[in-house]
Amino acid sequence: MSSKDRILGRIRRAVGGPLPSDTGIPRDYLRVHGVRTPAESADLLAAHLAEYRAKVHRTDEDGLPALLARLLAAHGSRTVLVPPGLPPHWLAAAGPTRVHDRAGSTPADLDRTDSVVTGCALAIAETGTVVLDGGPEQGRRRITLVPDHHICVVRVPEQLVDSVPQALERLDPTRPLTWISGPSATSDIELDRVEGVHGPRTLEVILLGAQ
């Protein structure tokens, strides 16, 4: 018998029977704080991302390859990690060598990669959060946690929601979800901020379709 079974057994004995299958948790909280246009939601997302020290860019589909090439060049990237389903034309103008995500890649291999470019599952305007779920445009979780520079593309308005409740309705809880609000950072007891502890020190978010 597992620890979980023992704990649940004690609860059943305490309540005098089987646990109810429906706990009746109230869901009457606000699903969103205010009504916004898609443009207003994109502006709110950009503002929160900037507060978290992420760099935010806007472009359309035609301008995306040139923007990605410019961002990679500005970072001095010689190699870029590419998820298996990343649209090929996204990096058509980029100069760095493509590195494909392979099962045999070690953390040291990933750490030697200068940048990674991914899509996302969705983004949340009210919290300034980008959510990854390991889809083809995003690749495995580890490829966005080890390289020091992450460029993430968010399609607006298709992949943009206003609130966490709206996001949860669209996300699959069985997927490997990674919630990103700005670059990796932590603070010690004296509030000295250190970036890059458990993820990239530089996060750049491209709002695709938001002008």
C-alpha atoms as a PDB file:
ATOM      1  CA  MET A   1       0.000   0.000   0.000  1.00  0.00           C
ATOM      2  CA  SER A   2       1.322   3.413  -0.960  1.00  0.00           C
ATOM      3  CA  SER A   3       1.496   6.483   1.272  1.00  0.00           C
ATOM      4  CA  LYS A   4      -1.318   8.007  -0.773  1.00  0.00           C
ATOM      5  CA  ASP A   5      -3.559   4.977  -0.158  1.00  0.00           C
ATOM      6  CA  ARG A   6      -2.858   5.076   3.585  1.00  0.00           C
ATOM      7  CA  ILE A   7      -3.706   8.795   3.784  1.00  0.00           C
ATOM      8  CA  LEU A   8      -6.925   8.389   1.807  1.00  0.00           C
ATOM      9  CA  GLY A   9      -7.848   5.391   3.969  1.00  0.00           C
ATOM     10  CA  ARG A  10      -7.526   7.493   7.099  1.00  0.00           C
ATOM     11  CA  ILE A  11      -9.702  10.197   5.569  1.00  0.00           C
ATOM     12  CA  ARG A  12     -12.379   7.657   4.615  1.00  0.00           C
ATOM     13  CA  ARG A  13     -12.430   6.275   8.144  1.00  0.00           C
ATOM     14  CA  ALA A  14     -12.653   9.781   9.586  1.00  0.00           C
ATOM     15  CA  VAL A  15     -15.627  10.796   7.406  1.00  0.00           C
ATOM     16  CA  GLY A  16     -17.326   7.435   7.862  1.00  0.00           C
ATOM     17  CA  GLY A  17     -17.430   6.296   4.237  1.00  0.00           C
ATOM     18  CA  PRO A  18     -16.117   6.750   0.710  1.00  0.00           C
ATOM     19  CA  LEU A  19     -14.934  10.130  -0.394  1.00  0.00           C
ATOM     20  CA  PRO A  20     -17.390  12.047  -2.593  1.00  0.00           C
ATOM     21  CA  SER A  21     -16.502  12.043  -6.279  1.00  0.00           C
ATOM     22  CA  ASP A  22     -17.731  15.612  -6.784  1.00  0.00           C
ATOM     23  CA  THR A  23     -16.468  18.090  -4.210  1.00  0.00           C
ATOM     24  CA  GLY A  24     -18.588  20.901  -5.637  1.00  0.00           C
ATOM     25  CA  ILE A  25     -15.782  23.454  -5.815  1.00  0.00           C
ATOM     26  CA  PRO A  26     -17.325  26.830  -6.696  1.00  0.00           C
ATOM     27  CA  ARG A  27     -16.169  28.300 -10.010  1.00  0.00           C
ATOM     28  CA  ASP A  28     -17.808  31.712  -9.684  1.00  0.00           C
ATOM     29  CA  TYR A  29     -14.571  33.723  -9.749  1.00  0.00           C
ATOM     30  CA  LEU A  30     -13.938  36.283 -12.486  1.00  0.00           C
ATOM     31  CA  ARG A  31     -12.680  34.692 -15.690  1.00  0.00           C
ATOM     32  CA  VAL A  32     -11.189  37.960 -16.906  1.00  0.00           C
ATOM     33  CA  HIS A  33     -10.640  41.440 -15.470  1.00  0.00           C
ATOM     34  CA  GLY A  34     -12.267  43.753 -17.991  1.00  0.00           C
ATOM     35  CA  VAL A  35     -13.085  43.574 -21.682  1.00  0.00           C
ATOM     36  CA  ARG A  36     -10.274  44.252 -24.128  1.00  0.00           C
ATOM     37  CA  THR A  37      -9.752  44.377 -27.846  1.00  0.00           C
ATOM     38  CA  PRO A  38      -7.060  42.071 -29.282  1.00  0.00           C
ATOM     39  CA  ALA A  39      -4.781  45.088 -29.662  1.00  0.00           C
ATOM     40  CA  GLU A  40      -5.283  46.073 -26.023  1.00  0.00           C
ATOM     41  CA  SER A  41      -4.547  42.511 -24.891  1.00  0.00           C
ATOM     42  CA  ALA A  42      -1.341  42.492 -26.939  1.00  0.00           C
ATOM     43  CA  ASP A  43      -0.297  45.820 -25.408  1.00  0.00           C
ATOM     44  CA  LEU A  44      -0.977  44.494 -21.903  1.00  0.00           C
ATOM     45  CA  LEU A  45       1.056  41.343 -22.558  1.00  0.00           C
ATOM     46  CA  ALA A  46       3.932  43.431 -23.925  1.00  0.00           C
ATOM     47  CA  ALA A  47       3.853  45.749 -20.901  1.00  0.00           C
ATOM     48  CA  HIS A  48       3.992  42.892 -18.395  1.00  0.00           C
ATOM     49  CA  LEU A  49       6.734  41.080 -20.296  1.00  0.00           C
ATOM     50  CA  ALA A  50       8.792  44.274 -20.294  1.00  0.00           C
ATOM     51  CA  GLU A  51       8.282  44.595 -16.530  1.00  0.00           C
ATOM     52  CA  TYR A  52       9.794  41.120 -16.203  1.00  0.00           C
ATOM     53  CA  ARG A  53      12.821  42.275 -18.262  1.00  0.00           C
ATOM     54  CA  ALA A  54      11.888  40.333 -21.368  1.00  0.00           C
ATOM     55  CA  LYS A  55      12.488  42.035 -24.711  1.00  0.00           C
ATOM     56  CA  VAL A  56       9.347  42.391 -26.801  1.00  0.00           C
ATOM     57  CA  HIS A  57       9.202  42.804 -30.582  1.00  0.00           C
ATOM     58  CA  ARG A  58       6.317  43.060 -33.048  1.00  0.00           C
ATOM     59  CA  THR A  59       6.188  42.057 -36.675  1.00  0.00           C
ATOM     60  CA  ASP A  60       4.053  40.379 -39.310  1.00  0.00           C
ATOM     61  CA  GLU A  61       4.603  37.067 -41.102  1.00  0.00           C
ATOM     62  CA  ASP A  62       6.610  38.682 -43.908  1.00  0.00           C
ATOM     63  CA  GLY A  63       8.913  40.505 -41.512  1.00  0.00           C
ATOM     64  CA  LEU A  64       9.537  37.575 -39.164  1.00  0.00           C
ATOM     65  CA  PRO A  65      12.552  35.981 -40.943  1.00  0.00           C
ATOM     66  CA  ALA A  66      14.434  39.284 -41.094  1.00  0.00           C
ATOM     67  CA  LEU A  67      13.621  40.079 -37.456  1.00  0.00           C
ATOM     68  CA  LEU A  68      14.821  36.674 -36.264  1.00  0.00           C
ATOM     69  CA  ALA A  69      18.024  37.064 -38.280  1.00  0.00           C
ATOM     70  CA  ARG A  70      18.615  40.493 -36.723  1.00  0.00           C
ATOM     71  CA  LEU A  71      17.991  39.292 -33.154  1.00  0.00           C
ATOM     72  CA  LEU A  72      20.295  36.297 -33.534  1.00  0.00           C
ATOM     73  CA  ALA A  73      23.011  38.475 -35.060  1.00  0.00           C
ATOM     74  CA  ALA A  74      22.661  41.054 -32.294  1.00  0.00           C
ATOM     75  CA  HIS A  75      23.131  38.311 -29.717  1.00  0.00           C
ATOM     76  CA  GLY A  76      26.216  37.067 -31.554  1.00  0.00           C
ATOM     77  CA  SER A  77      24.705  33.614 -32.004  1.00  0.00           C
ATOM     78  CA  ARG A  78      26.698  31.143 -34.079  1.00  0.00           C
ATOM     79  CA  THR A  79      24.319  28.227 -33.422  1.00  0.00           C
ATOM     80  CA  VAL A  80      20.562  28.098 -32.921  1.00  0.00           C
ATOM     81  CA  LEU A  81      18.573  25.180 -31.541  1.00  0.00           C
ATOM     82  CA  VAL A  82      15.563  24.308 -33.707  1.00  0.00           C
ATOM     83  CA  PRO A  83      12.492  22.314 -32.575  1.00  0.00           C
ATOM     84  CA  PRO A  84      11.329  19.623 -35.040  1.00  0.00           C
ATOM     85  CA  GLY A  85       8.183  21.469 -36.142  1.00  0.00           C
ATOM     86  CA  LEU A  86       9.502  25.009 -36.414  1.00  0.00           C
ATOM     87  CA  PRO A  87       8.340  26.494 -39.756  1.00  0.00           C
ATOM     88  CA  PRO A  88      11.450  26.453 -41.997  1.00  0.00           C
ATOM     89  CA  HIS A  89      10.839  29.931 -43.398  1.00  0.00           C
ATOM     90  CA  TRP A  90      11.142  31.496 -39.922  1.00  0.00           C
ATOM     91  CA  LEU A  91      14.928  31.082 -40.060  1.00  0.00           C
ATOM     92  CA  ALA A  92      15.309  31.463 -43.829  1.00  0.00           C
ATOM     93  CA  ALA A  93      17.281  34.706 -43.414  1.00  0.00           C
ATOM     94  CA  ALA A  94      19.252  33.679 -40.334  1.00  0.00           C
ATOM     95  CA  GLY A  95      22.966  32.912 -40.509  1.00  0.00           C
ATOM     96  CA  PRO A  96      23.656  30.695 -37.441  1.00  0.00           C
ATOM     97  CA  THR A  97      24.116  26.949 -37.831  1.00  0.00           C
ATOM     98  CA  ARG A  98      20.938  25.003 -37.052  1.00  0.00           C
ATOM     99  CA  VAL A  99      21.187  22.487 -34.224  1.00  0.00           C
ATOM    100  CA  HIS A 100      18.357  19.956 -34.096  1.00  0.00           C
ATOM    101  CA  ASP A 101      16.944  18.617 -30.866  1.00  0.00           C
ATOM    102  CA  ARG A 102      18.182  15.056 -30.468  1.00  0.00           C
ATOM    103  CA  ALA A 103      17.455  12.573 -27.693  1.00  0.00           C
ATOM    104  CA  GLY A 104      21.168  11.906 -27.302  1.00  0.00           C
ATOM    105  CA  SER A 105      22.071  15.562 -26.707  1.00  0.00           C
ATOM    106  CA  THR A 106      23.577  16.082 -23.262  1.00  0.00           C
ATOM    107  CA  PRO A 107      23.030  19.164 -21.075  1.00  0.00           C
ATOM    108  CA  ALA A 108      26.558  20.220 -22.032  1.00  0.00           C
ATOM    109  CA  ASP A 109      25.648  19.968 -25.737  1.00  0.00           C
ATOM    110  CA  LEU A 110      22.598  22.160 -25.181  1.00  0.00           C
ATOM    111  CA  ASP A 111      24.592  24.616 -23.095  1.00  0.00           C
ATOM    112  CA  ARG A 112      27.024  25.117 -25.968  1.00  0.00           C
ATOM    113  CA  THR A 113      24.132  26.239 -28.205  1.00  0.00           C
ATOM    114  CA  ASP A 114      23.919  30.024 -28.339  1.00  0.00           C
ATOM    115  CA  SER A 115      20.176  30.457 -28.879  1.00  0.00           C
ATOM    116  CA  VAL A 116      16.888  28.603 -29.244  1.00  0.00           C
ATOM    117  CA  VAL A 117      13.869  29.736 -31.290  1.00  0.00           C
ATOM    118  CA  THR A 118      10.423  28.312 -30.526  1.00  0.00           C
ATOM    119  CA  GLY A 119       6.736  28.918 -30.887  1.00  0.00           C
ATOM    120  CA  CYS A 120       4.379  28.606 -27.912  1.00  0.00           C
ATOM    121  CA  ALA A 121       1.077  27.071 -26.844  1.00  0.00           C
ATOM    122  CA  LEU A 122      -0.375  30.433 -25.814  1.00  0.00           C
ATOM    123  CA  ALA A 123       0.322  33.618 -23.879  1.00  0.00           C
ATOM    124  CA  ILE A 124      -1.586  35.299 -21.038  1.00  0.00           C
ATOM    125  CA  ALA A 125      -1.962  39.075 -21.170  1.00  0.00           C
ATOM    126  CA  GLU A 126      -2.896  39.739 -17.528  1.00  0.00           C
ATOM    127  CA  THR A 127       0.146  37.940 -16.128  1.00  0.00           C
ATOM    128  CA  GLY A 128       2.686  38.455 -18.919  1.00  0.00           C
ATOM    129  CA  THR A 129       3.155  34.706 -19.204  1.00  0.00           C
ATOM    130  CA  VAL A 130       4.114  32.534 -22.161  1.00  0.00           C
ATOM    131  CA  VAL A 131       3.102  28.868 -21.891  1.00  0.00           C
ATOM    132  CA  LEU A 132       4.885  26.019 -23.682  1.00  0.00           C
ATOM    133  CA  ASP A 133       3.399  22.511 -23.925  1.00  0.00           C
ATOM    134  CA  GLY A 134       6.096  20.631 -25.840  1.00  0.00           C
ATOM    135  CA  GLY A 135       4.329  20.891 -29.206  1.00  0.00           C
ATOM    136  CA  PRO A 136       6.201  20.502 -32.528  1.00  0.00           C
ATOM    137  CA  GLU A 137       7.077  24.221 -32.723  1.00  0.00           C
ATOM    138  CA  GLN A 138       8.410  24.181 -29.154  1.00  0.00           C
ATOM    139  CA  GLY A 139      10.261  20.902 -28.759  1.00  0.00           C
ATOM    140  CA  ARG A 140      11.099  19.237 -25.487  1.00  0.00           C
ATOM    141  CA  ARG A 141      11.115  21.256 -22.291  1.00  0.00           C
ATOM    142  CA  ARG A 142      14.875  21.006 -21.811  1.00  0.00           C
ATOM    143  CA  ILE A 143      15.735  22.908 -24.985  1.00  0.00           C
ATOM    144  CA  THR A 144      14.199  26.088 -23.532  1.00  0.00           C
ATOM    145  CA  LEU A 145      15.769  25.646 -20.084  1.00  0.00           C
ATOM    146  CA  VAL A 146      19.454  25.147 -20.919  1.00  0.00           C
ATOM    147  CA  PRO A 147      20.436  27.595 -23.731  1.00  0.00           C
ATOM    148  CA  ASP A 148      21.112  31.118 -22.475  1.00  0.00           C
ATOM    149  CA  HIS A 149      19.014  32.933 -25.108  1.00  0.00           C
ATOM    150  CA  HIS A 150      15.400  32.069 -25.945  1.00  0.00           C
ATOM    151  CA  ILE A 151      13.362  33.722 -28.696  1.00  0.00           C
ATOM    152  CA  CYS A 152       9.673  32.796 -28.472  1.00  0.00           C
ATOM    153  CA  VAL A 153       7.107  33.614 -31.156  1.00  0.00           C
ATOM    154  CA  VAL A 154       3.474  34.271 -30.120  1.00  0.00           C
ATOM    155  CA  ARG A 155       0.799  34.423 -32.811  1.00  0.00           C
ATOM    156  CA  VAL A 156      -1.595  37.281 -32.078  1.00  0.00           C
ATOM    157  CA  PRO A 157      -4.516  37.049 -31.578  1.00  0.00           C
ATOM    158  CA  GLU A 158      -4.763  33.254 -32.104  1.00  0.00           C
ATOM    159  CA  GLN A 159      -2.464  32.314 -29.214  1.00  0.00           C
ATOM    160  CA  LEU A 160      -3.295  35.187 -26.867  1.00  0.00           C
ATOM    161  CA  VAL A 161      -5.772  35.002 -23.973  1.00  0.00           C
ATOM    162  CA  ASP A 162      -6.481  37.580 -21.302  1.00  0.00           C
ATOM    163  CA  SER A 163      -6.487  35.501 -18.115  1.00  0.00           C
ATOM    164  CA  VAL A 164      -5.243  32.334 -16.413  1.00  0.00           C
ATOM    165  CA  PRO A 165      -8.768  30.783 -16.299  1.00  0.00           C
ATOM    166  CA  GLN A 166      -9.069  31.270 -20.059  1.00  0.00           C
ATOM    167  CA  ALA A 167      -5.646  29.689 -20.531  1.00  0.00           C
ATOM    168  CA  LEU A 168      -6.495  26.649 -18.425  1.00  0.00           C
ATOM    169  CA  GLU A 169      -9.585  26.003 -20.541  1.00  0.00           C
ATOM    170  CA  ARG A 170      -7.395  25.738 -23.650  1.00  0.00           C
ATOM    171  CA  LEU A 171      -4.420  23.838 -22.244  1.00  0.00           C
ATOM    172  CA  ASP A 172      -4.133  20.069 -21.991  1.00  0.00           C
ATOM    173  CA  PRO A 173      -3.156  19.217 -18.366  1.00  0.00           C
ATOM    174  CA  THR A 174      -1.531  15.980 -19.523  1.00  0.00           C
ATOM    175  CA  ARG A 175       1.037  17.924 -21.578  1.00  0.00           C
ATOM    176  CA  PRO A 176       4.431  19.043 -20.120  1.00  0.00           C
ATOM    177  CA  LEU A 177       3.480  22.658 -19.411  1.00  0.00           C
ATOM    178  CA  THR A 178       6.154  25.304 -18.860  1.00  0.00           C
ATOM    179  CA  TRP A 179       4.966  28.732 -17.693  1.00  0.00           C
ATOM    180  CA  ILE A 180       7.423  31.537 -18.473  1.00  0.00           C
ATOM    181  CA  SER A 181       7.134  35.066 -17.088  1.00  0.00           C
ATOM    182  CA  GLY A 182      10.325  36.814 -18.136  1.00  0.00           C
ATOM    183  CA  PRO A 183      13.895  35.494 -18.062  1.00  0.00           C
ATOM    184  CA  SER A 184      14.927  32.964 -15.430  1.00  0.00           C
ATOM    185  CA  ALA A 185      15.604  34.824 -12.173  1.00  0.00           C
ATOM    186  CA  THR A 186      15.722  34.427  -8.423  1.00  0.00           C
ATOM    187  CA  SER A 187      16.604  36.597  -5.423  1.00  0.00           C
ATOM    188  CA  ASP A 188      18.339  35.818  -2.148  1.00  0.00           C
ATOM    189  CA  ILE A 189      17.261  37.028   1.296  1.00  0.00           C
ATOM    190  CA  GLU A 190      18.810  40.425   0.581  1.00  0.00           C
ATOM    191  CA  LEU A 191      16.794  40.664  -2.670  1.00  0.00           C
ATOM    192  CA  ASP A 192      19.865  40.543  -4.892  1.00  0.00           C
ATOM    193  CA  ARG A 193      18.477  39.426  -8.253  1.00  0.00           C
ATOM    194  CA  VAL A 194      20.354  36.695 -10.127  1.00  0.00           C
ATOM    195  CA  GLU A 195      19.297  35.771 -13.658  1.00  0.00           C
ATOM    196  CA  GLY A 196      19.884  32.526 -15.518  1.00  0.00           C
ATOM    197  CA  VAL A 197      19.701  30.148 -12.554  1.00  0.00           C
ATOM    198  CA  HIS A 198      17.217  27.680 -14.032  1.00  0.00           C
ATOM    199  CA  GLY A 199      16.686  28.916 -17.570  1.00  0.00           C
ATOM    200  CA  PRO A 200      17.753  31.542 -20.119  1.00  0.00           C
ATOM    201  CA  ARG A 201      19.075  34.870 -18.932  1.00  0.00           C
ATOM    202  CA  THR A 202      17.715  36.550 -22.057  1.00  0.00           C
ATOM    203  CA  LEU A 203      14.111  36.065 -23.185  1.00  0.00           C
ATOM    204  CA  GLU A 204      12.858  37.761 -26.348  1.00  0.00           C
ATOM    205  CA  VAL A 205       9.202  37.512 -27.305  1.00  0.00           C
ATOM    206  CA  ILE A 206       7.964  38.261 -30.795  1.00  0.00           C
ATOM    207  CA  LEU A 207       4.281  39.175 -31.110  1.00  0.00           C
ATOM    208  CA  LEU A 208       3.533  37.915 -34.609  1.00  0.00           C
ATOM    209  CA  GLY A 209       0.691  39.813 -36.232  1.00  0.00           C
ATOM    210  CA  ALA A 210       0.547  42.559 -33.586  1.00  0.00           C
ATOM    211  CA  GLN A 211       1.550  45.915 -35.038  1.00  0.00           C
END
